[in-house]
Amino acid sequence: MEIVDSSLGEYSSSLADEVLRCIQIGLLCVQESAVDRPTMSTVVSTLGNDKAVLPPPNQPAFVVKKAHNVDASGGTGSNNEVTLTLVQPR
């Protein structure tokens, strides 16, 4: 509820339910597979119907995970091999 604009009024359980519902609909709209995303008509009808049952969203497609690679010496390092080519005119 920290992200809710204070101009919307006092915190209540109905406001919390509405905020969570909007977040869930938003997460459904950004599913990795287009087949899993609701149509705009479904989104509009769902926003206007508090009784509609929403499916749970899948794991987001892009999740930033912090990974540590440990090399033979016990330190952390990266196994990425990157080549950078700069094109310069003659």
PDB file of N, CA and C in Angstrom:
ATOM      1  N   MET A   1       0.815  -1.187   0.000  1.00  0.00           N
ATOM      2  CA  MET A   1       0.000   0.000   0.000  1.00  0.00           C
ATOM      3  C   MET A   1       0.868   1.264   0.000  1.00  0.00           C
ATOM      4  N   GLU A   2       2.181   1.091   0.114  1.00  0.00           N
ATOM      5  CA  GLU A   2       3.078   2.246   0.114  1.00  0.00           C
ATOM      6  C   GLU A   2       3.087   2.970  -1.225  1.00  0.00           C
ATOM      7  N   ILE A   3       2.730   2.278  -2.308  1.00  0.00           N
ATOM      8  CA  ILE A   3       2.774   2.900  -3.628  1.00  0.00           C
ATOM      9  C   ILE A   3       1.479   3.616  -3.984  1.00  0.00           C
ATOM     10  N   VAL A   4       0.467   3.528  -3.135  1.00  0.00           N
ATOM     11  CA  VAL A   4      -0.828   4.140  -3.418  1.00  0.00           C
ATOM     12  C   VAL A   4      -0.754   5.635  -3.123  1.00  0.00           C
ATOM     13  N   ASP A   5      -1.247   6.424  -4.055  1.00  0.00           N
ATOM     14  CA  ASP A   5      -1.272   7.872  -3.902  1.00  0.00           C
ATOM     15  C   ASP A   5      -2.182   8.238  -2.739  1.00  0.00           C
ATOM     16  N   SER A   6      -1.702   9.070  -1.838  1.00  0.00           N
ATOM     17  CA  SER A   6      -2.476   9.447  -0.654  1.00  0.00           C
ATOM     18  C   SER A   6      -3.725  10.243  -1.013  1.00  0.00           C
ATOM     19  N   SER A   7      -3.785  10.811  -2.209  1.00  0.00           N
ATOM     20  CA  SER A   7      -4.981  11.569  -2.609  1.00  0.00           C
ATOM     21  C   SER A   7      -6.185  10.655  -2.867  1.00  0.00           C
ATOM     22  N   LEU A   8      -5.960   9.343  -2.903  1.00  0.00           N
ATOM     23  CA  LEU A   8      -7.064   8.401  -3.104  1.00  0.00           C
ATOM     24  C   LEU A   8      -7.904   8.214  -1.848  1.00  0.00           C
ATOM     25  N   GLY A   9      -7.435   8.727  -0.753  1.00  0.00           N
ATOM     26  CA  GLY A   9      -8.218   8.643   0.478  1.00  0.00           C
ATOM     27  C   GLY A   9      -7.549   7.770   1.513  1.00  0.00           C
ATOM     28  N   GLU A  10      -8.281   7.518   2.562  1.00  0.00           N
ATOM     29  CA  GLU A  10      -7.763   6.716   3.667  1.00  0.00           C
ATOM     30  C   GLU A  10      -7.606   5.259   3.260  1.00  0.00           C
ATOM     31  N   TYR A  11      -6.635   4.624   3.902  1.00  0.00           N
ATOM     32  CA  TYR A  11      -6.389   3.196   3.671  1.00  0.00           C
ATOM     33  C   TYR A  11      -7.573   2.400   4.198  1.00  0.00           C
ATOM     34  N   SER A  12      -8.071   1.507   3.394  1.00  0.00           N
ATOM     35  CA  SER A  12      -9.144   0.603   3.823  1.00  0.00           C
ATOM     36  C   SER A  12      -8.916  -0.746   3.156  1.00  0.00           C
ATOM     37  N   SER A  13      -9.585  -1.746   3.664  1.00  0.00           N
ATOM     38  CA  SER A  13      -9.416  -3.071   3.069  1.00  0.00           C
ATOM     39  C   SER A  13      -9.977  -3.111   1.652  1.00  0.00           C
ATOM     40  N   SER A  14     -11.023  -2.334   1.378  1.00  0.00           N
ATOM     41  CA  SER A  14     -11.573  -2.321   0.018  1.00  0.00           C
ATOM     42  C   SER A  14     -10.602  -1.649  -0.952  1.00  0.00           C
ATOM     43  N   LEU A  15      -9.903  -0.603  -0.498  1.00  0.00           N
ATOM     44  CA  LEU A  15      -8.891   0.036  -1.336  1.00  0.00           C
ATOM     45  C   LEU A  15      -7.736  -0.926  -1.585  1.00  0.00           C
ATOM     46  N   ALA A  16      -7.314  -1.634  -0.549  1.00  0.00           N
ATOM     47  CA  ALA A  16      -6.229  -2.608  -0.697  1.00  0.00           C
ATOM     48  C   ALA A  16      -6.616  -3.700  -1.684  1.00  0.00           C
ATOM     49  N   ASP A  17      -7.840  -4.186  -1.600  1.00  0.00           N
ATOM     50  CA  ASP A  17      -8.308  -5.218  -2.527  1.00  0.00           C
ATOM     51  C   ASP A  17      -8.297  -4.711  -3.966  1.00  0.00           C
ATOM     52  N   GLU A  18      -8.722  -3.465  -4.159  1.00  0.00           N
ATOM     53  CA  GLU A  18      -8.764  -2.894  -5.499  1.00  0.00           C
ATOM     54  C   GLU A  18      -7.358  -2.691  -6.065  1.00  0.00           C
ATOM     55  N   VAL A  19      -6.444  -2.240  -5.227  1.00  0.00           N
ATOM     56  CA  VAL A  19      -5.061  -2.051  -5.657  1.00  0.00           C
ATOM     57  C   VAL A  19      -4.441  -3.393  -6.047  1.00  0.00           C
ATOM     58  N   LEU A  20      -4.618  -4.405  -5.216  1.00  0.00           N
ATOM     59  CA  LEU A  20      -4.060  -5.728  -5.517  1.00  0.00           C
ATOM     60  C   LEU A  20      -4.672  -6.313  -6.785  1.00  0.00           C
ATOM     61  N   ARG A  21      -5.942  -6.065  -6.998  1.00  0.00           N
ATOM     62  CA  ARG A  21      -6.619  -6.545  -8.205  1.00  0.00           C
ATOM     63  C   ARG A  21      -6.023  -5.868  -9.448  1.00  0.00           C
ATOM     64  N   CYS A  22      -5.803  -4.567  -9.375  1.00  0.00           N
ATOM     65  CA  CYS A  22      -5.210  -3.840 -10.507  1.00  0.00           C
ATOM     66  C   CYS A  22      -3.788  -4.320 -10.787  1.00  0.00           C
ATOM     67  N   ILE A  23      -3.031  -4.583  -9.736  1.00  0.00           N
ATOM     68  CA  ILE A  23      -1.665  -5.104  -9.918  1.00  0.00           C
ATOM     69  C   ILE A  23      -1.716  -6.474 -10.579  1.00  0.00           C
ATOM     70  N   GLN A  24      -2.635  -7.327 -10.141  1.00  0.00           N
ATOM     71  CA  GLN A  24      -2.744  -8.668 -10.730  1.00  0.00           C
ATOM     72  C   GLN A  24      -3.147  -8.585 -12.204  1.00  0.00           C
ATOM     73  N   ILE A  25      -4.065  -7.702 -12.536  1.00  0.00           N
ATOM     74  CA  ILE A  25      -4.467  -7.535 -13.934  1.00  0.00           C
ATOM     75  C   ILE A  25      -3.276  -7.028 -14.757  1.00  0.00           C
ATOM     76  N   GLY A  26      -2.515  -6.090 -14.190  1.00  0.00           N
ATOM     77  CA  GLY A  26      -1.325  -5.585 -14.874  1.00  0.00           C
ATOM     78  C   GLY A  26      -0.311  -6.679 -15.136  1.00  0.00           C
ATOM     79  N   LEU A  27      -0.100  -7.543 -14.150  1.00  0.00           N
ATOM     80  CA  LEU A  27       0.839  -8.658 -14.322  1.00  0.00           C
ATOM     81  C   LEU A  27       0.344  -9.642 -15.377  1.00  0.00           C
ATOM     82  N   LEU A  28      -0.954  -9.844 -15.450  1.00  0.00           N
ATOM     83  CA  LEU A  28      -1.501 -10.726 -16.483  1.00  0.00           C
ATOM     84  C   LEU A  28      -1.285 -10.136 -17.883  1.00  0.00           C
ATOM     85  N   CYS A  29      -1.303  -8.803 -17.978  1.00  0.00           N
ATOM     86  CA  CYS A  29      -1.154  -8.132 -19.276  1.00  0.00           C
ATOM     87  C   CYS A  29       0.275  -8.168 -19.803  1.00  0.00           C
ATOM     88  N   VAL A  30       1.246  -8.482 -18.969  1.00  0.00           N
ATOM     89  CA  VAL A  30       2.639  -8.497 -19.414  1.00  0.00           C
ATOM     90  C   VAL A  30       3.240  -9.906 -19.385  1.00  0.00           C
ATOM     91  N   GLN A  31       2.388 -10.911 -19.512  1.00  0.00           N
ATOM     92  CA  GLN A  31       2.880 -12.286 -19.558  1.00  0.00           C
ATOM     93  C   GLN A  31       3.794 -12.465 -20.765  1.00  0.00           C
ATOM     94  N   GLU A  32       4.792 -13.333 -20.632  1.00  0.00           N
ATOM     95  CA  GLU A  32       5.756 -13.562 -21.707  1.00  0.00           C
ATOM     96  C   GLU A  32       5.070 -14.075 -22.970  1.00  0.00           C
ATOM     97  N   SER A  33       4.178 -15.023 -22.817  1.00  0.00           N
ATOM     98  CA  SER A  33       3.471 -15.591 -23.962  1.00  0.00           C
ATOM     99  C   SER A  33       2.185 -14.807 -24.210  1.00  0.00           C
ATOM    100  N   ALA A  34       1.979 -14.377 -25.446  1.00  0.00           N
ATOM    101  CA  ALA A  34       0.789 -13.607 -25.793  1.00  0.00           C
ATOM    102  C   ALA A  34      -0.494 -14.397 -25.536  1.00  0.00           C
ATOM    103  N   VAL A  35      -0.420 -15.704 -25.628  1.00  0.00           N
ATOM    104  CA  VAL A  35      -1.589 -16.553 -25.399  1.00  0.00           C
ATOM    105  C   VAL A  35      -2.074 -16.433 -23.956  1.00  0.00           C
ATOM    106  N   ASP A  36      -1.151 -16.176 -23.032  1.00  0.00           N
ATOM    107  CA  ASP A  36      -1.492 -16.071 -21.615  1.00  0.00           C
ATOM    108  C   ASP A  36      -2.040 -14.700 -21.225  1.00  0.00           C
ATOM    109  N   ARG A  37      -1.918 -13.711 -22.123  1.00  0.00           N
ATOM    110  CA  ARG A  37      -2.377 -12.353 -21.824  1.00  0.00           C
ATOM    111  C   ARG A  37      -3.865 -12.223 -22.093  1.00  0.00           C
ATOM    112  N   PRO A  38      -4.578 -11.468 -21.250  1.00  0.00           N
ATOM    113  CA  PRO A  38      -6.008 -11.246 -21.505  1.00  0.00           C
ATOM    114  C   PRO A  38      -6.204 -10.248 -22.643  1.00  0.00           C
ATOM    115  N   THR A  39      -7.343 -10.338 -23.304  1.00  0.00           N
ATOM    116  CA  THR A  39      -7.679  -9.359 -24.344  1.00  0.00           C
ATOM    117  C   THR A  39      -8.091  -8.058 -23.664  1.00  0.00           C
ATOM    118  N   MET A  40      -8.092  -6.964 -24.404  1.00  0.00           N
ATOM    119  CA  MET A  40      -8.475  -5.682 -23.815  1.00  0.00           C
ATOM    120  C   MET A  40      -9.926  -5.695 -23.344  1.00  0.00           C
ATOM    121  N   SER A  41     -10.790  -6.379 -24.066  1.00  0.00           N
ATOM    122  CA  SER A  41     -12.188  -6.450 -23.629  1.00  0.00           C
ATOM    123  C   SER A  41     -12.298  -7.207 -22.308  1.00  0.00           C
ATOM    124  N   THR A  42     -11.473  -8.225 -22.126  1.00  0.00           N
ATOM    125  CA  THR A  42     -11.458  -8.961 -20.853  1.00  0.00           C
ATOM    126  C   THR A  42     -10.928  -8.077 -19.738  1.00  0.00           C
ATOM    127  N   VAL A  43      -9.893  -7.300 -20.016  1.00  0.00           N
ATOM    128  CA  VAL A  43      -9.324  -6.396 -19.005  1.00  0.00           C
ATOM    129  C   VAL A  43     -10.380  -5.378 -18.568  1.00  0.00           C
ATOM    130  N   VAL A  44     -11.064  -4.769 -19.533  1.00  0.00           N
ATOM    131  CA  VAL A  44     -12.067  -3.754 -19.219  1.00  0.00           C
ATOM    132  C   VAL A  44     -13.208  -4.357 -18.410  1.00  0.00           C
ATOM    133  N   SER A  45     -13.686  -5.513 -18.824  1.00  0.00           N
ATOM    134  CA  SER A  45     -14.791  -6.131 -18.078  1.00  0.00           C
ATOM    135  C   SER A  45     -14.351  -6.584 -16.692  1.00  0.00           C
ATOM    136  N   THR A  46     -13.105  -7.030 -16.567  1.00  0.00           N
ATOM    137  CA  THR A  46     -12.589  -7.480 -15.273  1.00  0.00           C
ATOM    138  C   THR A  46     -12.410  -6.299 -14.322  1.00  0.00           C
ATOM    139  N   LEU A  47     -11.962  -5.163 -14.840  1.00  0.00           N
ATOM    140  CA  LEU A  47     -11.811  -3.973 -13.990  1.00  0.00           C
ATOM    141  C   LEU A  47     -13.159  -3.494 -13.457  1.00  0.00           C
ATOM    142  N   GLY A  48     -14.209  -3.718 -14.215  1.00  0.00           N
ATOM    143  CA  GLY A  48     -15.537  -3.286 -13.787  1.00  0.00           C
ATOM    144  C   GLY A  48     -16.320  -4.321 -13.012  1.00  0.00           C
ATOM    145  N   ASN A  49     -15.762  -5.510 -12.825  1.00  0.00           N
ATOM    146  CA  ASN A  49     -16.483  -6.590 -12.156  1.00  0.00           C
ATOM    147  C   ASN A  49     -15.636  -7.137 -11.019  1.00  0.00           C
ATOM    148  N   ASP A  50     -15.999  -6.783  -9.799  1.00  0.00           N
ATOM    149  CA  ASP A  50     -15.239  -7.227  -8.626  1.00  0.00           C
ATOM    150  C   ASP A  50     -15.372  -8.725  -8.366  1.00  0.00           C
ATOM    151  N   LYS A  51     -16.372  -9.341  -8.936  1.00  0.00           N
ATOM    152  CA  LYS A  51     -16.627 -10.765  -8.673  1.00  0.00           C
ATOM    153  C   LYS A  51     -15.885 -11.690  -9.635  1.00  0.00           C
ATOM    154  N   ALA A  52     -15.325 -11.137 -10.698  1.00  0.00           N
ATOM    155  CA  ALA A  52     -14.634 -11.960 -11.686  1.00  0.00           C
ATOM    156  C   ALA A  52     -13.407 -12.603 -11.049  1.00  0.00           C
ATOM    157  N   VAL A  53     -13.227 -13.891 -11.337  1.00  0.00           N
ATOM    158  CA  VAL A  53     -12.094 -14.636 -10.791  1.00  0.00           C
ATOM    159  C   VAL A  53     -10.916 -14.511 -11.761  1.00  0.00           C
ATOM    160  N   LEU A  54      -9.769 -14.082 -11.231  1.00  0.00           N
ATOM    161  CA  LEU A  54      -8.580 -13.900 -12.060  1.00  0.00           C
ATOM    162  C   LEU A  54      -7.627 -15.069 -11.890  1.00  0.00           C
ATOM    163  N   PRO A  55      -7.030 -15.539 -12.988  1.00  0.00           N
ATOM    164  CA  PRO A  55      -6.020 -16.586 -12.848  1.00  0.00           C
ATOM    165  C   PRO A  55      -4.747 -15.981 -12.272  1.00  0.00           C
ATOM    166  N   PRO A  56      -3.944 -16.773 -11.599  1.00  0.00           N
ATOM    167  CA  PRO A  56      -2.682 -16.223 -11.080  1.00  0.00           C
ATOM    168  C   PRO A  56      -1.714 -15.978 -12.234  1.00  0.00           C
ATOM    169  N   PRO A  57      -0.952 -14.874 -12.168  1.00  0.00           N
ATOM    170  CA  PRO A  57       0.027 -14.625 -13.228  1.00  0.00           C
ATOM    171  C   PRO A  57       1.199 -15.595 -13.130  1.00  0.00           C
ATOM    172  N   ASN A  58       1.837 -15.851 -14.274  1.00  0.00           N
ATOM    173  CA  ASN A  58       3.032 -16.696 -14.309  1.00  0.00           C
ATOM    174  C   ASN A  58       4.236 -15.908 -13.817  1.00  0.00           C
ATOM    175  N   GLN A  59       5.351 -16.604 -13.669  1.00  0.00           N
ATOM    176  CA  GLN A  59       6.611 -15.952 -13.318  1.00  0.00           C
ATOM    177  C   GLN A  59       6.923 -14.891 -14.367  1.00  0.00           C
ATOM    178  N   PRO A  60       7.298 -13.679 -13.972  1.00  0.00           N
ATOM    179  CA  PRO A  60       7.643 -12.658 -14.968  1.00  0.00           C
ATOM    180  C   PRO A  60       8.761 -13.130 -15.893  1.00  0.00           C
ATOM    181  N   ALA A  61       8.714 -12.655 -17.138  1.00  0.00           N
ATOM    182  CA  ALA A  61       9.689 -13.084 -18.137  1.00  0.00           C
ATOM    183  C   ALA A  61      11.090 -12.592 -17.807  1.00  0.00           C
ATOM    184  N   PHE A  62      11.184 -11.381 -17.323  1.00  0.00           N
ATOM    185  CA  PHE A  62      12.490 -10.808 -17.046  1.00  0.00           C
ATOM    186  C   PHE A  62      12.622 -10.559 -15.559  1.00  0.00           C
ATOM    187  N   VAL A  63      13.358 -11.425 -14.904  1.00  0.00           N
ATOM    188  CA  VAL A  63      13.591 -11.298 -13.479  1.00  0.00           C
ATOM    189  C   VAL A  63      15.077 -11.106 -13.280  1.00  0.00           C
ATOM    190  N   VAL A  64      15.424 -10.065 -12.574  1.00  0.00           N
ATOM    191  CA  VAL A  64      16.834  -9.805 -12.313  1.00  0.00           C
ATOM    192  C   VAL A  64      17.244 -10.648 -11.117  1.00  0.00           C
ATOM    193  N   LYS A  65      18.141 -11.570 -11.364  1.00  0.00           N
ATOM    194  CA  LYS A  65      18.637 -12.436 -10.308  1.00  0.00           C
ATOM    195  C   LYS A  65      20.114 -12.178 -10.137  1.00  0.00           C
ATOM    196  N   LYS A  66      20.551 -12.131  -8.919  1.00  0.00           N
ATOM    197  CA  LYS A  66      21.961 -11.918  -8.644  1.00  0.00           C
ATOM    198  C   LYS A  66      22.614 -13.284  -8.517  1.00  0.00           C
ATOM    199  N   ALA A  67      23.554 -13.552  -9.397  1.00  0.00           N
ATOM    200  CA  ALA A  67      24.246 -14.839  -9.381  1.00  0.00           C
ATOM    201  C   ALA A  67      25.722 -14.606  -9.121  1.00  0.00           C
ATOM    202  N   HIS A  68      26.306 -15.480  -8.382  1.00  0.00           N
ATOM    203  CA  HIS A  68      27.729 -15.398  -8.102  1.00  0.00           C
ATOM    204  C   HIS A  68      28.414 -16.626  -8.677  1.00  0.00           C
ATOM    205  N   ASN A  69      29.413 -16.391  -9.492  1.00  0.00           N
ATOM    206  CA  ASN A  69      30.222 -17.486 -10.026  1.00  0.00           C
ATOM    207  C   ASN A  69      31.477 -17.593  -9.168  1.00  0.00           C
ATOM    208  N   VAL A  70      31.790 -18.778  -8.749  1.00  0.00           N
ATOM    209  CA  VAL A  70      32.977 -18.984  -7.928  1.00  0.00           C
ATOM    210  C   VAL A  70      34.027 -19.673  -8.775  1.00  0.00           C
ATOM    211  N   ASP A  71      35.219 -19.044  -8.847  1.00  0.00           N
ATOM    212  CA  ASP A  71      36.280 -19.659  -9.640  1.00  0.00           C
ATOM    213  C   ASP A  71      37.096 -20.619  -8.769  1.00  0.00           C
ATOM    214  N   ALA A  72      38.108 -21.221  -9.347  1.00  0.00           N
ATOM    215  CA  ALA A  72      38.908 -22.238  -8.649  1.00  0.00           C
ATOM    216  C   ALA A  72      39.590 -21.692  -7.401  1.00  0.00           C
ATOM    217  N   SER A  73      39.900 -20.400  -7.380  1.00  0.00           N
ATOM    218  CA  SER A  73      40.586 -19.825  -6.220  1.00  0.00           C
ATOM    219  C   SER A  73      39.610 -19.460  -5.106  1.00  0.00           C
ATOM    220  N   GLY A  74      38.315 -19.686  -5.352  1.00  0.00           N
ATOM    221  CA  GLY A  74      37.318 -19.379  -4.334  1.00  0.00           C
ATOM    222  C   GLY A  74      36.733 -17.986  -4.480  1.00  0.00           C
ATOM    223  N   GLY A  75      37.248 -17.206  -5.422  1.00  0.00           N
ATOM    224  CA  GLY A  75      36.735 -15.859  -5.636  1.00  0.00           C
ATOM    225  C   GLY A  75      35.562 -15.874  -6.588  1.00  0.00           C
ATOM    226  N   THR A  76      34.941 -14.748  -6.678  1.00  0.00           N
ATOM    227  CA  THR A  76      33.827 -14.651  -7.621  1.00  0.00           C
ATOM    228  C   THR A  76      34.322 -14.020  -8.894  1.00  0.00           C
ATOM    229  N   GLY A  77      33.745 -14.423  -9.980  1.00  0.00           N
ATOM    230  CA  GLY A  77      34.151 -13.901 -11.283  1.00  0.00           C
ATOM    231  C   GLY A  77      33.063 -14.135 -12.294  1.00  0.00           C
ATOM    232  N   SER A  78      33.311 -13.719 -13.498  1.00  0.00           N
ATOM    233  CA  SER A  78      32.341 -13.874 -14.555  1.00  0.00           C
ATOM    234  C   SER A  78      32.921 -14.785 -15.626  1.00  0.00           C
ATOM    235  N   ASN A  79      32.073 -15.640 -16.174  1.00  0.00           N
ATOM    236  CA  ASN A  79      32.498 -16.535 -17.244  1.00  0.00           C
ATOM    237  C   ASN A  79      32.130 -15.980 -18.609  1.00  0.00           C
ATOM    238  N   ASN A  80      31.643 -14.761 -18.635  1.00  0.00           N
ATOM    239  CA  ASN A  80      31.237 -14.164 -19.904  1.00  0.00           C
ATOM    240  C   ASN A  80      32.462 -13.783 -20.727  1.00  0.00           C
ATOM    241  N   GLU A  81      32.406 -14.081 -22.014  1.00  0.00           N
ATOM    242  CA  GLU A  81      33.445 -13.656 -22.924  1.00  0.00           C
ATOM    243  C   GLU A  81      32.803 -12.664 -23.870  1.00  0.00           C
ATOM    244  N   VAL A  82      33.231 -11.409 -23.772  1.00  0.00           N
ATOM    245  CA  VAL A  82      32.625 -10.356 -24.556  1.00  0.00           C
ATOM    246  C   VAL A  82      33.670  -9.753 -25.479  1.00  0.00           C
ATOM    247  N   THR A  83      33.294  -9.547 -26.721  1.00  0.00           N
ATOM    248  CA  THR A  83      34.163  -8.889 -27.684  1.00  0.00           C
ATOM    249  C   THR A  83      33.506  -7.575 -28.052  1.00  0.00           C
ATOM    250  N   LEU A  84      34.263  -6.508 -27.991  1.00  0.00           N
ATOM    251  CA  LEU A  84      33.759  -5.192 -28.347  1.00  0.00           C
ATOM    252  C   LEU A  84      34.514  -4.703 -29.574  1.00  0.00           C
ATOM    253  N   THR A  85      33.785  -4.381 -30.622  1.00  0.00           N
ATOM    254  CA  THR A  85      34.394  -3.887 -31.846  1.00  0.00           C
ATOM    255  C   THR A  85      33.934  -2.472 -32.072  1.00  0.00           C
ATOM    256  N   LEU A  86      34.862  -1.561 -32.247  1.00  0.00           N
ATOM    257  CA  LEU A  86      34.539  -0.180 -32.545  1.00  0.00           C
ATOM    258  C   LEU A  86      34.805   0.072 -34.021  1.00  0.00           C
ATOM    259  N   VAL A  87      33.811   0.525 -34.718  1.00  0.00           N
ATOM    260  CA  VAL A  87      33.957   0.825 -36.136  1.00  0.00           C
ATOM    261  C   VAL A  87      34.305   2.302 -36.251  1.00  0.00           C
ATOM    262  N   GLN A  88      35.456   2.592 -36.882  1.00  0.00           N
ATOM    263  CA  GLN A  88      35.890   3.973 -37.054  1.00  0.00           C
ATOM    264  C   GLN A  88      36.140   4.243 -38.525  1.00  0.00           C
ATOM    265  N   PRO A  89      35.737   5.407 -38.996  1.00  0.00           N
ATOM    266  CA  PRO A  89      35.974   5.730 -40.401  1.00  0.00           C
ATOM    267  C   PRO A  89      37.452   5.996 -40.658  1.00  0.00           C
ATOM    268  N   ARG A  90      37.887   5.850 -41.929  1.00  0.00           N
ATOM    269  CA  ARG A  90      39.283   6.107 -42.282  1.00  0.00           C
ATOM    270  C   ARG A  90      39.536   7.567 -42.481  1.00  0.00           C
TER     271      ARG A  90
END
